[in-house]
Amino acid sequence: MKREEFHVSSLVVLAQPAQRHQLAERIATLEGAEIHAVSEEGKLVVTLEGASQRPIMAAIDAISAMPGVLSASLIYHQFDEGEVEE
């Protein structure tokens, strides 16, 4: 048996309100990303899923660097380990 990790993080992204929908579409194209809410004020609720912490952190860095993003704040992170047959 091999041990496997599964990571889930949630974050709130504060975007310039006029760009919120374009940013939501762009963020949704990242692997493991899902948009759950977009407010008129420019707040986006995002979850990221991945096999390790590294791709989650890379996605947060990518989101933070997108034009129109004012901030990306990690709110929650959880990981589970399981065993899978090889």
PDB file of N, CA and C in Angstrom:
ATOM      1  N   MET A   1       0.832  -1.192   0.000  1.00  0.00           N
ATOM      2  CA  MET A   1       0.000   0.000   0.000  1.00  0.00           C
ATOM      3  C   MET A   1       0.874   1.252   0.000  1.00  0.00           C
ATOM      4  N   LYS A   2       0.417   2.233  -0.715  1.00  0.00           N
ATOM      5  CA  LYS A   2       1.112   3.506  -0.817  1.00  0.00           C
ATOM      6  C   LYS A   2       0.262   4.575  -0.140  1.00  0.00           C
ATOM      7  N   ARG A   3       0.905   5.496   0.591  1.00  0.00           N
ATOM      8  CA  ARG A   3       0.185   6.590   1.232  1.00  0.00           C
ATOM      9  C   ARG A   3       0.027   7.741   0.244  1.00  0.00           C
ATOM     10  N   GLU A   4      -1.150   8.334   0.241  1.00  0.00           N
ATOM     11  CA  GLU A   4      -1.440   9.436  -0.666  1.00  0.00           C
ATOM     12  C   GLU A   4      -2.083  10.572   0.114  1.00  0.00           C
ATOM     13  N   GLU A   5      -1.709  11.803  -0.219  1.00  0.00           N
ATOM     14  CA  GLU A   5      -2.282  12.982   0.426  1.00  0.00           C
ATOM     15  C   GLU A   5      -3.321  13.637  -0.488  1.00  0.00           C
ATOM     16  N   PHE A   6      -4.281  14.310   0.135  1.00  0.00           N
ATOM     17  CA  PHE A   6      -5.270  15.097  -0.577  1.00  0.00           C
ATOM     18  C   PHE A   6      -5.441  16.398   0.197  1.00  0.00           C
ATOM     19  N   HIS A   7      -5.183  17.530  -0.447  1.00  0.00           N
ATOM     20  CA  HIS A   7      -5.241  18.844   0.193  1.00  0.00           C
ATOM     21  C   HIS A   7      -6.422  19.647  -0.345  1.00  0.00           C
ATOM     22  N   VAL A   8      -7.077  20.375   0.565  1.00  0.00           N
ATOM     23  CA  VAL A   8      -8.156  21.292   0.205  1.00  0.00           C
ATOM     24  C   VAL A   8      -7.907  22.598   0.942  1.00  0.00           C
ATOM     25  N   SER A   9      -7.954  23.698   0.207  1.00  0.00           N
ATOM     26  CA  SER A   9      -7.793  25.023   0.801  1.00  0.00           C
ATOM     27  C   SER A   9      -8.920  25.915   0.312  1.00  0.00           C
ATOM     28  N   SER A  10      -9.267  26.873   1.151  1.00  0.00           N
ATOM     29  CA  SER A  10     -10.221  27.886   0.710  1.00  0.00           C
ATOM     30  C   SER A  10      -9.583  29.249   0.917  1.00  0.00           C
ATOM     31  N   LEU A  11      -9.927  30.161   0.025  1.00  0.00           N
ATOM     32  CA  LEU A  11      -9.413  31.507   0.161  1.00  0.00           C
ATOM     33  C   LEU A  11     -10.440  32.517  -0.280  1.00  0.00           C
ATOM     34  N   VAL A  12     -10.239  33.729   0.198  1.00  0.00           N
ATOM     35  CA  VAL A  12     -11.039  34.860  -0.240  1.00  0.00           C
ATOM     36  C   VAL A  12     -10.122  35.741  -1.065  1.00  0.00           C
ATOM     37  N   VAL A  13     -10.559  36.017  -2.274  1.00  0.00           N
ATOM     38  CA  VAL A  13      -9.800  36.871  -3.177  1.00  0.00           C
ATOM     39  C   VAL A  13     -10.548  38.196  -3.272  1.00  0.00           C
ATOM     40  N   LEU A  14      -9.823  39.273  -3.029  1.00  0.00           N
ATOM     41  CA  LEU A  14     -10.395  40.608  -3.189  1.00  0.00           C
ATOM     42  C   LEU A  14      -9.902  41.167  -4.514  1.00  0.00           C
ATOM     43  N   ALA A  15     -10.843  41.440  -5.397  1.00  0.00           N
ATOM     44  CA  ALA A  15     -10.525  41.906  -6.749  1.00  0.00           C
ATOM     45  C   ALA A  15     -11.118  43.281  -6.978  1.00  0.00           C
ATOM     46  N   GLN A  16     -10.577  43.962  -7.961  1.00  0.00           N
ATOM     47  CA  GLN A  16     -11.203  45.214  -8.370  1.00  0.00           C
ATOM     48  C   GLN A  16     -12.592  44.855  -8.888  1.00  0.00           C
ATOM     49  N   PRO A  17     -13.631  45.498  -8.351  1.00  0.00           N
ATOM     50  CA  PRO A  17     -15.006  45.086  -8.687  1.00  0.00           C
ATOM     51  C   PRO A  17     -15.298  44.977 -10.182  1.00  0.00           C
ATOM     52  N   ALA A  18     -14.770  45.878 -10.973  1.00  0.00           N
ATOM     53  CA  ALA A  18     -15.054  45.844 -12.416  1.00  0.00           C
ATOM     54  C   ALA A  18     -14.456  44.618 -13.091  1.00  0.00           C
ATOM     55  N   GLN A  19     -13.459  43.994 -12.468  1.00  0.00           N
ATOM     56  CA  GLN A  19     -12.793  42.849 -13.079  1.00  0.00           C
ATOM     57  C   GLN A  19     -13.161  41.517 -12.436  1.00  0.00           C
ATOM     58  N   ARG A  20     -14.104  41.528 -11.509  1.00  0.00           N
ATOM     59  CA  ARG A  20     -14.397  40.326 -10.716  1.00  0.00           C
ATOM     60  C   ARG A  20     -14.821  39.125 -11.555  1.00  0.00           C
ATOM     61  N   HIS A  21     -15.641  39.329 -12.566  1.00  0.00           N
ATOM     62  CA  HIS A  21     -16.112  38.193 -13.369  1.00  0.00           C
ATOM     63  C   HIS A  21     -15.007  37.635 -14.271  1.00  0.00           C
ATOM     64  N   GLN A  22     -14.197  38.528 -14.849  1.00  0.00           N
ATOM     65  CA  GLN A  22     -13.081  38.060 -15.676  1.00  0.00           C
ATOM     66  C   GLN A  22     -12.082  37.289 -14.814  1.00  0.00           C
ATOM     67  N   LEU A  23     -11.818  37.780 -13.606  1.00  0.00           N
ATOM     68  CA  LEU A  23     -10.898  37.089 -12.711  1.00  0.00           C
ATOM     69  C   LEU A  23     -11.464  35.742 -12.273  1.00  0.00           C
ATOM     70  N   ALA A  24     -12.751  35.689 -12.002  1.00  0.00           N
ATOM     71  CA  ALA A  24     -13.369  34.419 -11.613  1.00  0.00           C
ATOM     72  C   ALA A  24     -13.187  33.392 -12.726  1.00  0.00           C
ATOM     73  N   GLU A  25     -13.390  33.803 -13.968  1.00  0.00           N
ATOM     74  CA  GLU A  25     -13.207  32.883 -15.099  1.00  0.00           C
ATOM     75  C   GLU A  25     -11.751  32.444 -15.216  1.00  0.00           C
ATOM     76  N   ARG A  26     -10.837  33.371 -15.026  1.00  0.00           N
ATOM     77  CA  ARG A  26      -9.407  33.044 -15.140  1.00  0.00           C
ATOM     78  C   ARG A  26      -8.959  32.110 -14.010  1.00  0.00           C
ATOM     79  N   ILE A  27      -9.386  32.390 -12.789  1.00  0.00           N
ATOM     80  CA  ILE A  27      -9.029  31.542 -11.651  1.00  0.00           C
ATOM     81  C   ILE A  27      -9.584  30.132 -11.846  1.00  0.00           C
ATOM     82  N   ALA A  28     -10.796  30.035 -12.370  1.00  0.00           N
ATOM     83  CA  ALA A  28     -11.438  28.732 -12.571  1.00  0.00           C
ATOM     84  C   ALA A  28     -10.671  27.847 -13.556  1.00  0.00           C
ATOM     85  N   THR A  29      -9.806  28.441 -14.373  1.00  0.00           N
ATOM     86  CA  THR A  29      -9.029  27.639 -15.315  1.00  0.00           C
ATOM     87  C   THR A  29      -7.818  26.975 -14.651  1.00  0.00           C
ATOM     88  N   LEU A  30      -7.465  27.393 -13.435  1.00  0.00           N
ATOM     89  CA  LEU A  30      -6.337  26.774 -12.734  1.00  0.00           C
ATOM     90  C   LEU A  30      -6.726  25.368 -12.295  1.00  0.00           C
ATOM     91  N   GLU A  31      -5.789  24.462 -12.379  1.00  0.00           N
ATOM     92  CA  GLU A  31      -6.061  23.075 -12.005  1.00  0.00           C
ATOM     93  C   GLU A  31      -6.453  22.987 -10.530  1.00  0.00           C
ATOM     94  N   GLY A  32      -7.587  22.351 -10.268  1.00  0.00           N
ATOM     95  CA  GLY A  32      -8.062  22.149  -8.901  1.00  0.00           C
ATOM     96  C   GLY A  32      -8.798  23.327  -8.304  1.00  0.00           C
ATOM     97  N   ALA A  33      -9.007  24.399  -9.082  1.00  0.00           N
ATOM     98  CA  ALA A  33      -9.674  25.599  -8.568  1.00  0.00           C
ATOM     99  C   ALA A  33     -11.167  25.565  -8.878  1.00  0.00           C
ATOM    100  N   GLU A  34     -11.928  26.071  -7.931  1.00  0.00           N
ATOM    101  CA  GLU A  34     -13.374  26.198  -8.128  1.00  0.00           C
ATOM    102  C   GLU A  34     -13.832  27.491  -7.466  1.00  0.00           C
ATOM    103  N   ILE A  35     -14.691  28.224  -8.158  1.00  0.00           N
ATOM    104  CA  ILE A  35     -15.242  29.482  -7.643  1.00  0.00           C
ATOM    105  C   ILE A  35     -16.608  29.179  -7.041  1.00  0.00           C
ATOM    106  N   HIS A  36     -16.823  29.635  -5.801  1.00  0.00           N
ATOM    107  CA  HIS A  36     -18.092  29.352  -5.125  1.00  0.00           C
ATOM    108  C   HIS A  36     -18.981  30.581  -4.986  1.00  0.00           C
ATOM    109  N   ALA A  37     -18.380  31.766  -5.018  1.00  0.00           N
ATOM    110  CA  ALA A  37     -19.180  32.985  -4.895  1.00  0.00           C
ATOM    111  C   ALA A  37     -18.385  34.161  -5.444  1.00  0.00           C
ATOM    112  N   VAL A  38     -19.126  35.122  -6.021  1.00  0.00           N
ATOM    113  CA  VAL A  38     -18.550  36.374  -6.494  1.00  0.00           C
ATOM    114  C   VAL A  38     -19.501  37.480  -6.056  1.00  0.00           C
ATOM    115  N   SER A  39     -18.995  38.425  -5.250  1.00  0.00           N
ATOM    116  CA  SER A  39     -19.857  39.510  -4.777  1.00  0.00           C
ATOM    117  C   SER A  39     -19.680  40.753  -5.646  1.00  0.00           C
ATOM    118  N   GLU A  40     -20.631  41.641  -5.566  1.00  0.00           N
ATOM    119  CA  GLU A  40     -20.556  42.888  -6.331  1.00  0.00           C
ATOM    120  C   GLU A  40     -19.383  43.739  -5.882  1.00  0.00           C
ATOM    121  N   GLU A  41     -18.947  43.575  -4.630  1.00  0.00           N
ATOM    122  CA  GLU A  41     -17.827  44.350  -4.090  1.00  0.00           C
ATOM    123  C   GLU A  41     -16.481  43.821  -4.569  1.00  0.00           C
ATOM    124  N   GLY A  42     -16.469  42.669  -5.230  1.00  0.00           N
ATOM    125  CA  GLY A  42     -15.237  42.107  -5.754  1.00  0.00           C
ATOM    126  C   GLY A  42     -14.630  41.008  -4.907  1.00  0.00           C
ATOM    127  N   LYS A  43     -15.393  40.440  -3.983  1.00  0.00           N
ATOM    128  CA  LYS A  43     -14.893  39.319  -3.178  1.00  0.00           C
ATOM    129  C   LYS A  43     -15.257  38.007  -3.864  1.00  0.00           C
ATOM    130  N   LEU A  44     -14.256  37.118  -3.971  1.00  0.00           N
ATOM    131  CA  LEU A  44     -14.462  35.804  -4.569  1.00  0.00           C
ATOM    132  C   LEU A  44     -14.122  34.745  -3.535  1.00  0.00           C
ATOM    133  N   VAL A  45     -14.958  33.749  -3.418  1.00  0.00           N
ATOM    134  CA  VAL A  45     -14.674  32.606  -2.558  1.00  0.00           C
ATOM    135  C   VAL A  45     -14.201  31.478  -3.468  1.00  0.00           C
ATOM    136  N   VAL A  46     -12.987  30.981  -3.181  1.00  0.00           N
ATOM    137  CA  VAL A  46     -12.322  30.019  -4.050  1.00  0.00           C
ATOM    138  C   VAL A  46     -11.874  28.819  -3.231  1.00  0.00           C
ATOM    139  N   THR A  47     -12.023  27.617  -3.781  1.00  0.00           N
ATOM    140  CA  THR A  47     -11.386  26.448  -3.184  1.00  0.00           C
ATOM    141  C   THR A  47     -10.350  25.921  -4.166  1.00  0.00           C
ATOM    142  N   LEU A  48      -9.286  25.360  -3.582  1.00  0.00           N
ATOM    143  CA  LEU A  48      -8.217  24.736  -4.357  1.00  0.00           C
ATOM    144  C   LEU A  48      -8.015  23.334  -3.827  1.00  0.00           C
ATOM    145  N   GLU A  49      -7.891  22.371  -4.711  1.00  0.00           N
ATOM    146  CA  GLU A  49      -7.636  20.985  -4.332  1.00  0.00           C
ATOM    147  C   GLU A  49      -6.384  20.504  -5.040  1.00  0.00           C
ATOM    148  N   GLY A  50      -5.616  19.656  -4.341  1.00  0.00           N
ATOM    149  CA  GLY A  50      -4.409  19.125  -4.958  1.00  0.00           C
ATOM    150  C   GLY A  50      -3.834  17.966  -4.173  1.00  0.00           C
ATOM    151  N   ALA A  51      -2.844  17.335  -4.764  1.00  0.00           N
ATOM    152  CA  ALA A  51      -2.225  16.156  -4.163  1.00  0.00           C
ATOM    153  C   ALA A  51      -1.151  16.505  -3.145  1.00  0.00           C
ATOM    154  N   SER A  52      -0.769  17.790  -3.070  1.00  0.00           N
ATOM    155  CA  SER A  52       0.206  18.220  -2.069  1.00  0.00           C
ATOM    156  C   SER A  52       0.028  19.716  -1.831  1.00  0.00           C
ATOM    157  N   GLN A  53       0.761  20.213  -0.869  1.00  0.00           N
ATOM    158  CA  GLN A  53       0.670  21.637  -0.545  1.00  0.00           C
ATOM    159  C   GLN A  53       1.312  22.499  -1.630  1.00  0.00           C
ATOM    160  N   ARG A  54       2.290  21.961  -2.325  1.00  0.00           N
ATOM    161  CA  ARG A  54       3.040  22.735  -3.332  1.00  0.00           C
ATOM    162  C   ARG A  54       2.142  23.312  -4.439  1.00  0.00           C
ATOM    163  N   PRO A  55       1.266  22.512  -5.104  1.00  0.00           N
ATOM    164  CA  PRO A  55       0.428  23.111  -6.149  1.00  0.00           C
ATOM    165  C   PRO A  55      -0.596  24.102  -5.601  1.00  0.00           C
ATOM    166  N   ILE A  56      -1.020  23.896  -4.355  1.00  0.00           N
ATOM    167  CA  ILE A  56      -1.948  24.851  -3.736  1.00  0.00           C
ATOM    168  C   ILE A  56      -1.253  26.208  -3.583  1.00  0.00           C
ATOM    169  N   MET A  57      -0.038  26.188  -3.050  1.00  0.00           N
ATOM    170  CA  MET A  57       0.704  27.434  -2.850  1.00  0.00           C
ATOM    171  C   MET A  57       1.041  28.085  -4.199  1.00  0.00           C
ATOM    172  N   ALA A  58       1.352  27.285  -5.193  1.00  0.00           N
ATOM    173  CA  ALA A  58       1.634  27.828  -6.527  1.00  0.00           C
ATOM    174  C   ALA A  58       0.390  28.511  -7.104  1.00  0.00           C
ATOM    175  N   ALA A  59      -0.780  27.915  -6.890  1.00  0.00           N
ATOM    176  CA  ALA A  59      -2.028  28.513  -7.378  1.00  0.00           C
ATOM    177  C   ALA A  59      -2.320  29.818  -6.653  1.00  0.00           C
ATOM    178  N   ILE A  60      -2.088  29.858  -5.342  1.00  0.00           N
ATOM    179  CA  ILE A  60      -2.310  31.100  -4.582  1.00  0.00           C
ATOM    180  C   ILE A  60      -1.368  32.193  -5.088  1.00  0.00           C
ATOM    181  N   ASP A  61      -0.107  31.843  -5.338  1.00  0.00           N
ATOM    182  CA  ASP A  61       0.842  32.816  -5.889  1.00  0.00           C
ATOM    183  C   ASP A  61       0.384  33.310  -7.259  1.00  0.00           C
ATOM    184  N   ALA A  62      -0.098  32.386  -8.100  1.00  0.00           N
ATOM    185  CA  ALA A  62      -0.573  32.763  -9.437  1.00  0.00           C
ATOM    186  C   ALA A  62      -1.780  33.694  -9.345  1.00  0.00           C
ATOM    187  N   ILE A  63      -2.700  33.398  -8.439  1.00  0.00           N
ATOM    188  CA  ILE A  63      -3.886  34.252  -8.256  1.00  0.00           C
ATOM    189  C   ILE A  63      -3.461  35.633  -7.777  1.00  0.00           C
ATOM    190  N   SER A  64      -2.568  35.678  -6.797  1.00  0.00           N
ATOM    191  CA  SER A  64      -2.112  36.958  -6.243  1.00  0.00           C
ATOM    192  C   SER A  64      -1.466  37.833  -7.308  1.00  0.00           C
ATOM    193  N   ALA A  65      -0.816  37.222  -8.296  1.00  0.00           N
ATOM    194  CA  ALA A  65      -0.106  37.961  -9.338  1.00  0.00           C
ATOM    195  C   ALA A  65      -1.007  38.396 -10.491  1.00  0.00           C
ATOM    196  N   MET A  66      -2.254  37.953 -10.507  1.00  0.00           N
ATOM    197  CA  MET A  66      -3.141  38.318 -11.614  1.00  0.00           C
ATOM    198  C   MET A  66      -3.499  39.796 -11.547  1.00  0.00           C
ATOM    199  N   PRO A  67      -3.448  40.495 -12.704  1.00  0.00           N
ATOM    200  CA  PRO A  67      -3.861  41.901 -12.720  1.00  0.00           C
ATOM    201  C   PRO A  67      -5.308  42.038 -12.255  1.00  0.00           C
ATOM    202  N   GLY A  68      -5.549  42.975 -11.370  1.00  0.00           N
ATOM    203  CA  GLY A  68      -6.895  43.202 -10.836  1.00  0.00           C
ATOM    204  C   GLY A  68      -7.124  42.562  -9.490  1.00  0.00           C
ATOM    205  N   VAL A  69      -6.223  41.674  -9.052  1.00  0.00           N
ATOM    206  CA  VAL A  69      -6.339  41.060  -7.724  1.00  0.00           C
ATOM    207  C   VAL A  69      -5.669  41.983  -6.712  1.00  0.00           C
ATOM    208  N   LEU A  70      -6.409  42.354  -5.686  1.00  0.00           N
ATOM    209  CA  LEU A  70      -5.876  43.210  -4.630  1.00  0.00           C
ATOM    210  C   LEU A  70      -5.260  42.377  -3.516  1.00  0.00           C
ATOM    211  N   SER A  71      -5.870  41.212  -3.213  1.00  0.00           N
ATOM    212  CA  SER A  71      -5.316  40.307  -2.211  1.00  0.00           C
ATOM    213  C   SER A  71      -5.936  38.928  -2.372  1.00  0.00           C
ATOM    214  N   ALA A  72      -5.203  37.925  -1.888  1.00  0.00           N
ATOM    215  CA  ALA A  72      -5.697  36.548  -1.856  1.00  0.00           C
ATOM    216  C   ALA A  72      -5.330  36.005  -0.485  1.00  0.00           C
ATOM    217  N   SER A  73      -6.326  35.774   0.351  1.00  0.00           N
ATOM    218  CA  SER A  73      -6.091  35.366   1.737  1.00  0.00           C
ATOM    219  C   SER A  73      -6.527  33.931   1.962  1.00  0.00           C
ATOM    220  N   LEU A  74      -5.579  33.113   2.420  1.00  0.00           N
ATOM    221  CA  LEU A  74      -5.878  31.728   2.762  1.00  0.00           C
ATOM    222  C   LEU A  74      -6.731  31.727   4.023  1.00  0.00           C
ATOM    223  N   ILE A  75      -7.872  31.067   3.964  1.00  0.00           N
ATOM    224  CA  ILE A  75      -8.801  31.028   5.091  1.00  0.00           C
ATOM    225  C   ILE A  75      -8.748  29.673   5.783  1.00  0.00           C
ATOM    226  N   TYR A  76      -8.579  28.611   5.012  1.00  0.00           N
ATOM    227  CA  TYR A  76      -8.665  27.259   5.569  1.00  0.00           C
ATOM    228  C   TYR A  76      -7.808  26.324   4.740  1.00  0.00           C
ATOM    229  N   HIS A  77      -7.139  25.400   5.415  1.00  0.00           N
ATOM    230  CA  HIS A  77      -6.372  24.372   4.714  1.00  0.00           C
ATOM    231  C   HIS A  77      -6.486  23.068   5.493  1.00  0.00           C
ATOM    232  N   GLN A  78      -6.783  22.004   4.799  1.00  0.00           N
ATOM    233  CA  GLN A  78      -6.885  20.683   5.425  1.00  0.00           C
ATOM    234  C   GLN A  78      -6.277  19.659   4.475  1.00  0.00           C
ATOM    235  N   PHE A  79      -5.638  18.654   5.080  1.00  0.00           N
ATOM    236  CA  PHE A  79      -5.180  17.553   4.245  1.00  0.00           C
ATOM    237  C   PHE A  79      -5.494  16.242   4.939  1.00  0.00           C
ATOM    238  N   ASP A  80      -5.746  15.261   4.127  1.00  0.00           N
ATOM    239  CA  ASP A  80      -6.013  13.899   4.595  1.00  0.00           C
ATOM    240  C   ASP A  80      -5.004  12.979   3.950  1.00  0.00           C
ATOM    241  N   GLU A  81      -4.659  11.948   4.665  1.00  0.00           N
ATOM    242  CA  GLU A  81      -3.797  10.899   4.115  1.00  0.00           C
ATOM    243  C   GLU A  81      -4.614   9.636   4.012  1.00  0.00           C
ATOM    244  N   GLY A  82      -4.393   8.935   2.951  1.00  0.00           N
ATOM    245  CA  GLY A  82      -5.063   7.660   2.766  1.00  0.00           C
ATOM    246  C   GLY A  82      -4.105   6.668   2.138  1.00  0.00           C
ATOM    247  N   GLU A  83      -4.521   5.440   2.112  1.00  0.00           N
ATOM    248  CA  GLU A  83      -3.716   4.404   1.495  1.00  0.00           C
ATOM    249  C   GLU A  83      -4.379   3.962   0.202  1.00  0.00           C
ATOM    250  N   VAL A  84      -3.573   3.812  -0.826  1.00  0.00           N
ATOM    251  CA  VAL A  84      -4.078   3.337  -2.103  1.00  0.00           C
ATOM    252  C   VAL A  84      -3.271   2.125  -2.534  1.00  0.00           C
ATOM    253  N   GLU A  85      -3.917   1.235  -3.226  1.00  0.00           N
ATOM    254  CA  GLU A  85      -3.217   0.042  -3.710  1.00  0.00           C
ATOM    255  C   GLU A  85      -2.361   0.419  -4.908  1.00  0.00           C
ATOM    256  N   GLU A  86      -1.204  -0.165  -4.976  1.00  0.00           N
ATOM    257  CA  GLU A  86      -0.320   0.115  -6.112  1.00  0.00           C
ATOM    258  C   GLU A  86      -0.580  -0.839  -7.242  1.00  0.00           C
TER     259      GLU A  86
END
